[in-house]
Protein backbone atom coordinates (compact mmCIF):
# COMPACT_ATOMS: atom_id res chain seq x y z
CA MET A 1 109.88 -16.66 116.17
CA LYS A 2 110.15 -18.32 119.52
CA GLU A 3 112.82 -16.95 122.08
CA PRO A 4 115.15 -19.69 122.94
CA LEU A 5 114.54 -21.49 126.33
CA ILE A 6 118.59 -22.22 126.69
CA LYS A 7 121.24 -20.40 125.11
CA ILE A 8 124.60 -22.11 124.83
CA ARG A 9 127.34 -19.93 123.68
CA ASN A 10 130.89 -20.44 123.03
CA ILE A 11 131.40 -23.69 125.35
CA VAL A 12 134.90 -24.90 125.74
CA ASN A 13 135.50 -28.19 127.33
CA ARG A 14 139.07 -29.40 127.80
CA PHE A 15 140.73 -32.37 129.65
CA GLY A 16 144.41 -31.86 129.84
CA ASP A 17 145.54 -31.13 126.61
CA ASN A 18 142.64 -32.59 125.06
CA ILE A 19 139.88 -30.10 123.77
CA VAL A 20 136.54 -31.71 123.36
CA HIS A 21 134.45 -28.62 122.45
CA ASP A 22 135.90 -25.43 121.11
CA GLY A 23 133.12 -22.79 120.99
CA VAL A 24 130.21 -24.86 121.09
CA THR A 25 126.96 -22.62 120.21
CA PHE A 26 123.30 -23.42 119.70
CA ASP A 27 119.96 -22.85 121.13
CA ILE A 28 117.22 -24.99 122.57
CA PHE A 29 113.67 -23.71 121.92
CA PRO A 30 110.49 -24.31 123.95
CA GLY A 31 108.61 -27.58 123.16
CA GLU A 32 111.20 -29.17 120.77
CA ILE A 33 113.06 -32.43 120.82
CA VAL A 34 116.88 -32.02 119.79
CA ALA A 35 119.06 -35.03 119.47
CA VAL A 36 122.77 -34.80 119.85
CA VAL A 37 125.15 -37.17 117.83
CA GLY A 38 128.64 -37.57 117.22
CA GLY A 39 131.53 -39.71 116.96
CA ASN A 40 133.32 -41.41 119.77
CA GLY A 41 135.32 -38.99 121.95
CA THR A 42 133.12 -35.89 120.52
CA GLY A 43 131.75 -35.28 124.12
CA LYS A 44 128.12 -35.86 123.76
CA SER A 45 127.51 -36.95 127.25
CA VAL A 46 130.13 -34.06 128.37
CA LEU A 47 127.65 -31.63 126.71
CA LEU A 48 124.64 -32.86 128.54
CA ARG A 49 126.58 -32.66 131.80
CA THR A 50 127.82 -29.13 131.01
CA ILE A 51 124.29 -28.01 130.39
CA ALA A 52 122.92 -29.62 133.61
CA GLY A 53 125.62 -27.72 135.54
CA LEU A 54 127.20 -30.89 136.45
CA GLN A 55 130.49 -29.96 134.83
CA LYS A 56 131.87 -26.31 134.63
CA PRO A 57 133.14 -25.36 131.32
CA VAL A 58 136.58 -23.71 130.62
CA SER A 59 134.68 -20.88 129.24
CA GLY A 60 131.31 -20.26 127.74
CA THR A 61 128.08 -19.68 128.86
CA VAL A 62 124.47 -21.23 129.37
CA ALA A 63 121.91 -18.78 129.92
CA VAL A 64 118.17 -19.01 130.97
CA ALA A 65 116.26 -15.70 130.46
CA GLY A 66 119.81 -13.85 130.15
CA ASN A 67 121.04 -15.44 133.28
CA ASP A 68 124.47 -17.72 133.05
CA VAL A 69 123.95 -20.58 134.71
CA ALA A 70 126.87 -22.75 133.53
CA GLY A 71 128.44 -24.75 136.35
CA LYS A 72 125.35 -24.53 138.46
CA ALA A 73 123.02 -27.45 139.00
CA ARG A 74 119.30 -26.15 138.56
CA GLN A 75 116.91 -28.92 139.07
CA ASN A 76 113.90 -26.75 138.92
CA LEU A 77 115.14 -25.79 135.38
CA TRP A 78 116.11 -29.44 134.00
CA GLY A 79 115.76 -33.07 134.88
CA VAL A 80 118.37 -35.57 133.71
CA LEU A 81 117.90 -39.10 132.81
CA PHE A 82 121.13 -40.83 133.03
CA GLN A 83 122.06 -43.75 130.52
CA LYS A 84 121.60 -46.52 133.03
CA GLY A 85 118.97 -44.77 135.03
CA ALA A 86 121.29 -44.20 138.24
CA LEU A 87 118.39 -45.11 140.64
CA PHE A 88 119.19 -45.27 144.29
CA SER A 89 119.26 -49.18 144.83
CA ASN A 90 117.98 -48.75 148.53
CA LEU A 91 115.04 -46.61 147.64
CA THR A 92 111.80 -47.87 146.18
CA VAL A 93 110.67 -46.05 142.95
CA ALA A 94 108.41 -43.73 144.63
CA GLU A 95 110.97 -42.89 147.27
CA ASN A 96 113.60 -42.10 144.30
CA ILE A 97 111.02 -39.83 142.57
CA ALA A 98 110.22 -38.37 146.02
CA PHE A 99 113.98 -37.73 146.97
CA GLN A 100 114.43 -34.20 145.01
CA MET A 101 111.26 -32.97 146.35
CA LYS A 102 112.03 -33.84 150.18
CA GLU A 103 115.42 -31.95 149.50
CA LYS A 104 114.28 -29.05 147.23
CA THR A 105 110.69 -28.23 148.53
CA ALA A 106 108.96 -27.57 151.80
CA LEU A 107 105.99 -29.56 150.61
CA PRO A 108 104.47 -32.10 153.32
CA ALA A 109 105.25 -35.65 153.09
CA LYS A 110 101.54 -36.50 151.84
CA ASP A 111 101.85 -34.11 149.10
CA ILE A 112 105.05 -35.44 148.07
CA ARG A 113 103.78 -38.96 148.05
CA GLU A 114 100.84 -38.05 145.74
CA ILE A 115 103.16 -36.11 143.32
CA ALA A 116 105.33 -39.15 142.99
CA LEU A 117 102.50 -41.37 142.28
CA MET A 118 101.37 -38.96 139.80
CA LYS A 119 104.62 -39.11 138.19
CA ILE A 120 104.62 -42.69 137.84
CA ARG A 121 101.25 -42.75 136.31
CA LEU A 122 102.54 -40.03 133.91
CA VAL A 123 105.52 -42.25 132.58
CA GLY A 124 103.30 -45.13 132.19
CA LEU A 125 104.20 -47.32 134.90
CA PRO A 126 101.74 -49.41 136.83
CA PRO A 127 100.66 -48.40 140.38
CA HIS A 128 102.39 -51.35 142.09
CA ALA A 129 105.82 -50.30 140.89
CA ALA A 130 105.91 -47.21 143.49
CA GLY A 131 106.86 -50.02 146.07
CA LEU A 132 109.27 -51.64 143.97
CA TYR A 133 113.08 -51.56 144.21
CA PRO A 134 115.32 -50.92 141.18
CA SER A 135 116.65 -54.41 141.34
CA ALA A 136 112.84 -55.77 140.66
CA LEU A 137 112.62 -53.60 137.46
CA SER A 138 112.99 -54.74 133.85
CA GLY A 139 115.22 -52.49 131.76
CA GLY A 140 112.08 -50.61 130.37
CA MET A 141 110.51 -49.94 133.68
CA THR A 142 114.00 -48.63 135.07
CA LYS A 143 114.22 -46.13 132.09
CA ARG A 144 110.63 -45.21 132.80
CA ALA A 145 111.25 -45.03 136.44
CA ALA A 146 114.33 -42.78 135.95
CA LEU A 147 112.32 -40.55 133.78
CA ALA A 148 109.75 -39.98 136.29
CA ARG A 149 112.31 -39.09 138.59
CA ALA A 150 113.71 -36.55 136.24
CA LEU A 151 110.10 -35.11 135.79
CA ALA A 152 109.74 -34.62 139.85
CA LEU A 153 110.26 -30.72 140.13
CA ASP A 154 108.35 -30.11 136.64
CA PRO A 155 111.39 -29.12 134.88
CA ARG A 156 111.18 -26.88 131.66
CA LEU A 157 114.00 -28.96 129.94
CA LEU A 158 114.77 -32.92 130.01
CA LEU A 159 118.33 -34.08 129.32
CA LEU A 160 118.25 -37.65 128.24
CA ASP A 161 121.51 -39.74 127.93
CA GLU A 162 120.75 -42.58 125.47
CA PRO A 163 117.13 -43.15 126.57
CA THR A 164 116.71 -46.19 124.20
CA ALA A 165 120.06 -47.91 124.76
CA GLY A 166 119.56 -51.55 125.94
CA LEU A 167 115.92 -51.73 125.01
CA ASP A 168 114.26 -53.95 122.35
CA ALA A 169 112.72 -52.42 119.07
CA PRO A 170 109.02 -52.21 120.44
CA ALA A 171 110.06 -50.95 123.90
CA ALA A 172 112.52 -48.23 122.18
CA ALA A 173 109.50 -47.24 120.09
CA ALA A 174 107.11 -46.85 123.18
CA PHE A 175 109.63 -45.09 124.99
CA ASP A 176 110.01 -42.70 121.94
CA ARG A 177 106.23 -42.08 121.91
CA LEU A 178 106.19 -41.40 125.55
CA ILE A 179 108.94 -38.71 125.20
CA ARG A 180 107.01 -37.18 122.20
CA ASP A 181 103.57 -37.14 124.23
CA LEU A 182 105.34 -35.59 127.28
CA VAL A 183 106.80 -32.77 125.01
CA ASP A 184 103.22 -32.25 123.39
CA ASP A 185 101.30 -32.49 126.50
CA LEU A 186 103.74 -30.66 128.93
CA GLY A 187 105.36 -28.16 126.74
CA ILE A 188 108.64 -29.01 127.85
CA SER A 189 111.74 -29.22 125.73
CA VAL A 190 114.04 -32.19 125.37
CA LEU A 191 117.83 -32.46 124.61
CA MET A 192 119.00 -36.25 124.30
CA VAL A 193 121.97 -37.95 123.44
CA THR A 194 121.23 -40.98 121.01
CA HIS A 195 122.68 -43.43 118.53
CA ASP A 196 119.12 -44.40 117.77
CA LEU A 197 118.25 -43.44 114.10
CA ASP A 198 114.62 -44.45 114.48
CA SER A 199 114.37 -41.84 117.46
CA MET A 200 115.99 -39.35 115.32
CA ALA A 201 113.59 -40.06 112.26
CA GLU A 202 110.40 -40.27 114.38
CA ILE A 203 110.59 -37.73 117.20
CA CYS A 204 113.23 -35.31 116.92
CA ASP A 205 112.59 -31.83 115.51
CA ARG A 206 116.42 -31.02 115.01
CA ILE A 207 119.62 -32.81 115.34
CA ALA A 208 122.84 -31.18 116.69
CA VAL A 209 125.91 -32.84 115.37
CA LEU A 210 128.99 -32.79 117.33
CA VAL A 211 131.87 -32.63 114.60
CA ASP A 212 135.30 -31.06 114.52
CA ARG A 213 134.87 -29.70 118.24
CA LYS A 214 132.01 -27.74 116.91
CA ILE A 215 128.40 -28.45 116.73
CA LYS A 216 125.90 -28.03 113.69
CA THR A 217 122.37 -27.93 114.15
CA GLY A 218 119.54 -28.40 111.50
CA THR A 219 116.76 -30.96 110.54
CA LEU A 220 117.37 -34.40 109.53
CA LYS A 221 116.78 -33.36 105.79
CA GLU A 222 119.43 -30.58 106.04
CA HIS A 223 121.94 -32.90 107.42
CA LEU A 224 121.48 -35.34 104.93
CA LYS A 225 122.55 -32.64 102.29
CA ASP A 226 125.73 -31.79 104.33
CA ASN A 227 128.87 -32.98 102.44
CA HIS A 228 131.26 -33.14 105.51
CA PRO A 229 132.80 -36.58 105.60
CA TRP A 230 131.68 -37.63 108.75
CA MET A 231 128.24 -36.42 108.23
CA ARG A 232 128.16 -38.15 104.81
CA GLU A 233 129.30 -41.47 106.52
CA TYR A 234 126.85 -41.06 109.30
CA PHE A 235 123.59 -40.13 107.70
CA HIS A 236 124.13 -42.30 104.37
CA ASN A 237 125.57 -45.41 105.83
CA LYS A 238 123.75 -48.66 105.00
CA ARG A 239 122.15 -48.74 108.43
CA ALA A 240 120.72 -45.40 107.83
CA HIS A 241 119.49 -45.82 104.31
CA PHE A 242 115.81 -45.50 105.42
CA LEU A 243 116.68 -41.90 106.33
CA GLU A 244 116.97 -40.87 102.59
CA LYS A 245 113.43 -41.38 101.97
CA ILE A 246 112.42 -38.92 104.48
């Protein structure tokens, strides 16, 4: 049995009197893709921000190799792809990717440039994309550029917020294949918030469902057998009918 890459234990997130997470506990293992799903207001993006260290929980721990890193942004451990890319509009694609390397490493400018170009190739962007500004990118190119930036410091975990949102079906399928290939080739792990049922069925090893302020983790087949009302509604509705054939 593999040791978990990340251990999330008893996370509590609260906004005023509204408790969003009340003892969320689960593990992320090396080399796996885990989807995070849940209804509106269940705190899917909040959970990603908590794990990334961008938001400190009221209580609980996020541990790597036994060390609690909750509330501490550690770019060398994880990279984040935000839903709309969040690229710096005044920087080119290559400059966006290079930004963290300039801030966090002592690499010479020539090496940073070479690594940025390598990351651009890694995510399937054409070489000329390096000199483009975000305003000149299509939706699919923006996602790939943001993914390249998330990979800049060779993280062990990618945190993706709705990575296929806004993409048409072929572009979404291609992005899914890219994520799966990156995991298989680089040995990294992925935790992604998604509403894309195709992504869950095609590339995810496990699904983490936020429900009743807790989390339920398991395979798609396991969740299909769960009789919780929200789980039944989500995984057995007409839009998800193809899942039952898996």
